Amino acid sequence: MRKLCPSCQKPKVLFASELEALKYIKSRRNKAANVHLKPYYCEACQAWHLTHKVR
């Protein structure tokens, strides 16, 4: 589910915990092999988001 993050004013997927975000990354690993996803905590919305880097 995407919600608007008050920090960056962009729609983001919010995760309640780092573990949930890591599980999501693991489930998507084969679908986006050239993208490295990493969770980070956002103080503004008090949730975990994902950041990415294209390899």
PDB file of N, CA and C in Angstrom:
ATOM      1  N   MET A   1       0.835  -1.173   0.000  1.00  0.00           N
ATOM      2  CA  MET A   1       0.000   0.000   0.000  1.00  0.00           C
ATOM      3  C   MET A   1       0.886   1.245   0.000  1.00  0.00           C
ATOM      4  N   ARG A   2       0.577   2.180  -0.852  1.00  0.00           N
ATOM      5  CA  ARG A   2       1.360   3.411  -0.942  1.00  0.00           C
ATOM      6  C   ARG A   2       0.642   4.541  -0.214  1.00  0.00           C
ATOM      7  N   LYS A   3       1.440   5.326   0.506  1.00  0.00           N
ATOM      8  CA  LYS A   3       0.929   6.520   1.184  1.00  0.00           C
ATOM      9  C   LYS A   3       1.908   7.646   0.934  1.00  0.00           C
ATOM     10  N   LEU A   4       1.410   8.855   1.032  1.00  0.00           N
ATOM     11  CA  LEU A   4       2.255  10.017   0.830  1.00  0.00           C
ATOM     12  C   LEU A   4       3.148  10.215   2.052  1.00  0.00           C
ATOM     13  N   CYS A   5       4.439  10.232   1.830  1.00  0.00           N
ATOM     14  CA  CYS A   5       5.400  10.454   2.917  1.00  0.00           C
ATOM     15  C   CYS A   5       5.495  11.958   3.158  1.00  0.00           C
ATOM     16  N   PRO A   6       5.280  12.416   4.408  1.00  0.00           N
ATOM     17  CA  PRO A   6       5.352  13.856   4.677  1.00  0.00           C
ATOM     18  C   PRO A   6       6.755  14.443   4.497  1.00  0.00           C
ATOM     19  N   SER A   7       7.767  13.615   4.558  1.00  0.00           N
ATOM     20  CA  SER A   7       9.137  14.086   4.431  1.00  0.00           C
ATOM     21  C   SER A   7       9.486  14.484   2.998  1.00  0.00           C
ATOM     22  N   CYS A   8       9.185  13.612   2.057  1.00  0.00           N
ATOM     23  CA  CYS A   8       9.580  13.864   0.667  1.00  0.00           C
ATOM     24  C   CYS A   8       8.406  14.194  -0.250  1.00  0.00           C
ATOM     25  N   GLN A   9       7.175  14.101   0.268  1.00  0.00           N
ATOM     26  CA  GLN A   9       5.963  14.386  -0.498  1.00  0.00           C
ATOM     27  C   GLN A   9       5.818  13.500  -1.725  1.00  0.00           C
ATOM     28  N   LYS A  10       6.267  12.248  -1.598  1.00  0.00           N
ATOM     29  CA  LYS A  10       6.129  11.264  -2.669  1.00  0.00           C
ATOM     30  C   LYS A  10       5.398  10.049  -2.123  1.00  0.00           C
ATOM     31  N   PRO A  11       4.638   9.354  -2.982  1.00  0.00           N
ATOM     32  CA  PRO A  11       3.982   8.122  -2.509  1.00  0.00           C
ATOM     33  C   PRO A  11       5.036   7.042  -2.270  1.00  0.00           C
ATOM     34  N   LYS A  12       4.977   6.437  -1.100  1.00  0.00           N
ATOM     35  CA  LYS A  12       5.946   5.400  -0.716  1.00  0.00           C
ATOM     36  C   LYS A  12       5.199   4.193  -0.169  1.00  0.00           C
ATOM     37  N   VAL A  13       5.817   3.033  -0.307  1.00  0.00           N
ATOM     38  CA  VAL A  13       5.308   1.842   0.360  1.00  0.00           C
ATOM     39  C   VAL A  13       5.809   1.895   1.793  1.00  0.00           C
ATOM     40  N   LEU A  14       4.894   1.772   2.748  1.00  0.00           N
ATOM     41  CA  LEU A  14       5.253   1.835   4.156  1.00  0.00           C
ATOM     42  C   LEU A  14       5.215   0.439   4.758  1.00  0.00           C
ATOM     43  N   PHE A  15       6.240   0.110   5.504  1.00  0.00           N
ATOM     44  CA  PHE A  15       6.322  -1.166   6.210  1.00  0.00           C
ATOM     45  C   PHE A  15       6.379  -0.872   7.702  1.00  0.00           C
ATOM     46  N   ALA A  16       5.715  -1.707   8.501  1.00  0.00           N
ATOM     47  CA  ALA A  16       5.663  -1.507   9.945  1.00  0.00           C
ATOM     48  C   ALA A  16       6.990  -1.844  10.623  1.00  0.00           C
ATOM     49  N   SER A  17       7.784  -2.701   9.972  1.00  0.00           N
ATOM     50  CA  SER A  17       9.057  -3.098  10.577  1.00  0.00           C
ATOM     51  C   SER A  17      10.094  -3.338   9.488  1.00  0.00           C
ATOM     52  N   GLU A  18      11.346  -3.360   9.922  1.00  0.00           N
ATOM     53  CA  GLU A  18      12.432  -3.665   8.990  1.00  0.00           C
ATOM     54  C   GLU A  18      12.287  -5.091   8.481  1.00  0.00           C
ATOM     55  N   LEU A  19      11.848  -6.000   9.341  1.00  0.00           N
ATOM     56  CA  LEU A  19      11.662  -7.397   8.941  1.00  0.00           C
ATOM     57  C   LEU A  19      10.638  -7.521   7.815  1.00  0.00           C
ATOM     58  N   GLU A  20       9.523  -6.783   7.898  1.00  0.00           N
ATOM     59  CA  GLU A  20       8.525  -6.803   6.827  1.00  0.00           C
ATOM     60  C   GLU A  20       9.134  -6.307   5.518  1.00  0.00           C
ATOM     61  N   ALA A  21       9.924  -5.255   5.590  1.00  0.00           N
ATOM     62  CA  ALA A  21      10.559  -4.712   4.393  1.00  0.00           C
ATOM     63  C   ALA A  21      11.536  -5.722   3.794  1.00  0.00           C
ATOM     64  N   LEU A  22      12.303  -6.396   4.646  1.00  0.00           N
ATOM     65  CA  LEU A  22      13.255  -7.403   4.158  1.00  0.00           C
ATOM     66  C   LEU A  22      12.541  -8.593   3.533  1.00  0.00           C
ATOM     67  N   LYS A  23      11.420  -8.995   4.102  1.00  0.00           N
ATOM     68  CA  LYS A  23      10.625 -10.092   3.523  1.00  0.00           C
ATOM     69  C   LYS A  23      10.107  -9.699   2.144  1.00  0.00           C
ATOM     70  N   TYR A  24       9.676  -8.460   2.004  1.00  0.00           N
ATOM     71  CA  TYR A  24       9.212  -7.966   0.712  1.00  0.00           C
ATOM     72  C   TYR A  24      10.344  -7.997  -0.313  1.00  0.00           C
ATOM     73  N   ILE A  25      11.519  -7.539   0.096  1.00  0.00           N
ATOM     74  CA  ILE A  25      12.681  -7.550  -0.797  1.00  0.00           C
ATOM     75  C   ILE A  25      12.983  -8.977  -1.244  1.00  0.00           C
ATOM     76  N   LYS A  26      12.971  -9.907  -0.306  1.00  0.00           N
ATOM     77  CA  LYS A  26      13.259 -11.306  -0.631  1.00  0.00           C
ATOM     78  C   LYS A  26      12.232 -11.857  -1.617  1.00  0.00           C
ATOM     79  N   SER A  27      10.974 -11.488  -1.471  1.00  0.00           N
ATOM     80  CA  SER A  27       9.931 -11.982  -2.368  1.00  0.00           C
ATOM     81  C   SER A  27      10.064 -11.404  -3.774  1.00  0.00           C
ATOM     82  N   ARG A  28      10.704 -10.257  -3.914  1.00  0.00           N
ATOM     83  CA  ARG A  28      10.853  -9.599  -5.208  1.00  0.00           C
ATOM     84  C   ARG A  28      12.207  -9.850  -5.861  1.00  0.00           C
ATOM     85  N   ARG A  29      13.092 -10.560  -5.209  1.00  0.00           N
ATOM     86  CA  ARG A  29      14.476 -10.708  -5.668  1.00  0.00           C
ATOM     87  C   ARG A  29      14.582 -11.160  -7.125  1.00  0.00           C
ATOM     88  N   ASN A  30      13.820 -12.142  -7.545  1.00  0.00           N
ATOM     89  CA  ASN A  30      13.915 -12.647  -8.918  1.00  0.00           C
ATOM     90  C   ASN A  30      13.238 -11.737  -9.927  1.00  0.00           C
ATOM     91  N   LYS A  31      12.341 -10.883  -9.487  1.00  0.00           N
ATOM     92  CA  LYS A  31      11.609 -10.009 -10.402  1.00  0.00           C
ATOM     93  C   LYS A  31      12.410  -8.773 -10.798  1.00  0.00           C
ATOM     94  N   ALA A  32      13.333  -8.378  -9.957  1.00  0.00           N
ATOM     95  CA  ALA A  32      14.124  -7.172 -10.224  1.00  0.00           C
ATOM     96  C   ALA A  32      15.591  -7.454  -9.936  1.00  0.00           C
ATOM     97  N   ALA A  33      16.181  -8.326 -10.707  1.00  0.00           N
ATOM     98  CA  ALA A  33      17.550  -8.769 -10.457  1.00  0.00           C
ATOM     99  C   ALA A  33      18.574  -7.649 -10.600  1.00  0.00           C
ATOM    100  N   ASN A  34      18.270  -6.637 -11.402  1.00  0.00           N
ATOM    101  CA  ASN A  34      19.239  -5.561 -11.617  1.00  0.00           C
ATOM    102  C   ASN A  34      19.033  -4.377 -10.674  1.00  0.00           C
ATOM    103  N   VAL A  35      18.130  -4.512  -9.686  1.00  0.00           N
ATOM    104  CA  VAL A  35      17.862  -3.439  -8.734  1.00  0.00           C
ATOM    105  C   VAL A  35      18.183  -3.928  -7.325  1.00  0.00           C
ATOM    106  N   HIS A  36      19.002  -3.162  -6.613  1.00  0.00           N
ATOM    107  CA  HIS A  36      19.346  -3.489  -5.227  1.00  0.00           C
ATOM    108  C   HIS A  36      18.437  -2.676  -4.307  1.00  0.00           C
ATOM    109  N   LEU A  37      17.567  -3.356  -3.554  1.00  0.00           N
ATOM    110  CA  LEU A  37      16.654  -2.691  -2.629  1.00  0.00           C
ATOM    111  C   LEU A  37      17.207  -2.755  -1.215  1.00  0.00           C
ATOM    112  N   LYS A  38      16.997  -1.678  -0.454  1.00  0.00           N
ATOM    113  CA  LYS A  38      17.486  -1.608   0.914  1.00  0.00           C
ATOM    114  C   LYS A  38      16.454  -0.865   1.763  1.00  0.00           C
ATOM    115  N   PRO A  39      16.097  -1.402   2.936  1.00  0.00           N
ATOM    116  CA  PRO A  39      15.137  -0.700   3.792  1.00  0.00           C
ATOM    117  C   PRO A  39      15.803   0.424   4.588  1.00  0.00           C
ATOM    118  N   TYR A  40      15.026   1.455   4.888  1.00  0.00           N
ATOM    119  CA  TYR A  40      15.502   2.522   5.774  1.00  0.00           C
ATOM    120  C   TYR A  40      14.313   3.046   6.579  1.00  0.00           C
ATOM    121  N   TYR A  41      14.591   3.539   7.772  1.00  0.00           N
ATOM    122  CA  TYR A  41      13.543   4.049   8.645  1.00  0.00           C
ATOM    123  C   TYR A  41      13.329   5.534   8.390  1.00  0.00           C
ATOM    124  N   CYS A  42      12.079   5.935   8.257  1.00  0.00           N
ATOM    125  CA  CYS A  42      11.716   7.331   8.019  1.00  0.00           C
ATOM    126  C   CYS A  42      11.111   7.902   9.298  1.00  0.00           C
ATOM    127  N   GLU A  43      11.789   8.866   9.891  1.00  0.00           N
ATOM    128  CA  GLU A  43      11.308   9.512  11.116  1.00  0.00           C
ATOM    129  C   GLU A  43      10.020  10.293  10.866  1.00  0.00           C
ATOM    130  N   ALA A  44       9.868  10.861   9.671  1.00  0.00           N
ATOM    131  CA  ALA A  44       8.719  11.713   9.367  1.00  0.00           C
ATOM    132  C   ALA A  44       7.395  10.949   9.439  1.00  0.00           C
ATOM    133  N   CYS A  45       7.374   9.738   8.906  1.00  0.00           N
ATOM    134  CA  CYS A  45       6.117   8.970   8.926  1.00  0.00           C
ATOM    135  C   CYS A  45       6.207   7.767   9.858  1.00  0.00           C
ATOM    136  N   GLN A  46       7.330   7.598  10.513  1.00  0.00           N
ATOM    137  CA  GLN A  46       7.556   6.524  11.483  1.00  0.00           C
ATOM    138  C   GLN A  46       7.246   5.148  10.896  1.00  0.00           C
ATOM    139  N   ALA A  47       7.796   4.920   9.720  1.00  0.00           N
ATOM    140  CA  ALA A  47       7.636   3.637   9.033  1.00  0.00           C
ATOM    141  C   ALA A  47       8.913   3.350   8.250  1.00  0.00           C
ATOM    142  N   TRP A  48       9.000   2.150   7.732  1.00  0.00           N
ATOM    143  CA  TRP A  48      10.138   1.739   6.913  1.00  0.00           C
ATOM    144  C   TRP A  48       9.778   1.886   5.445  1.00  0.00           C
ATOM    145  N   HIS A  49      10.723   2.398   4.651  1.00  0.00           N
ATOM    146  CA  HIS A  49      10.589   2.527   3.203  1.00  0.00           C
ATOM    147  C   HIS A  49      11.710   1.715   2.549  1.00  0.00           C
ATOM    148  N   LEU A  50      11.674   1.665   1.224  1.00  0.00           N
ATOM    149  CA  LEU A  50      12.742   1.013   0.466  1.00  0.00           C
ATOM    150  C   LEU A  50      13.430   2.048  -0.411  1.00  0.00           C
ATOM    151  N   THR A  51      14.721   1.941  -0.478  1.00  0.00           N
ATOM    152  CA  THR A  51      15.501   2.732  -1.410  1.00  0.00           C
ATOM    153  C   THR A  51      16.096   1.751  -2.416  1.00  0.00           C
ATOM    154  N   HIS A  52      16.435   2.226  -3.594  1.00  0.00           N
ATOM    155  CA  HIS A  52      16.963   1.308  -4.616  1.00  0.00           C
ATOM    156  C   HIS A  52      18.161   1.919  -5.327  1.00  0.00           C
ATOM    157  N   LYS A  53      18.941   1.014  -5.877  1.00  0.00           N
ATOM    158  CA  LYS A  53      20.070   1.397  -6.713  1.00  0.00           C
ATOM    159  C   LYS A  53      20.080   0.420  -7.888  1.00  0.00           C
ATOM    160  N   VAL A  54      20.092   0.947  -9.095  1.00  0.00           N
ATOM    161  CA  VAL A  54      20.164   0.096 -10.285  1.00  0.00           C
ATOM    162  C   VAL A  54      21.600  -0.337 -10.463  1.00  0.00           C
ATOM    163  N   ARG A  55      21.786  -1.630 -10.657  1.00  0.00           N
ATOM    164  CA  ARG A  55      23.151  -2.172 -10.811  1.00  0.00           C
ATOM    165  C   ARG A  55      23.630  -2.056 -12.218  1.00  0.00           C
TER     166      ARG A  55
END
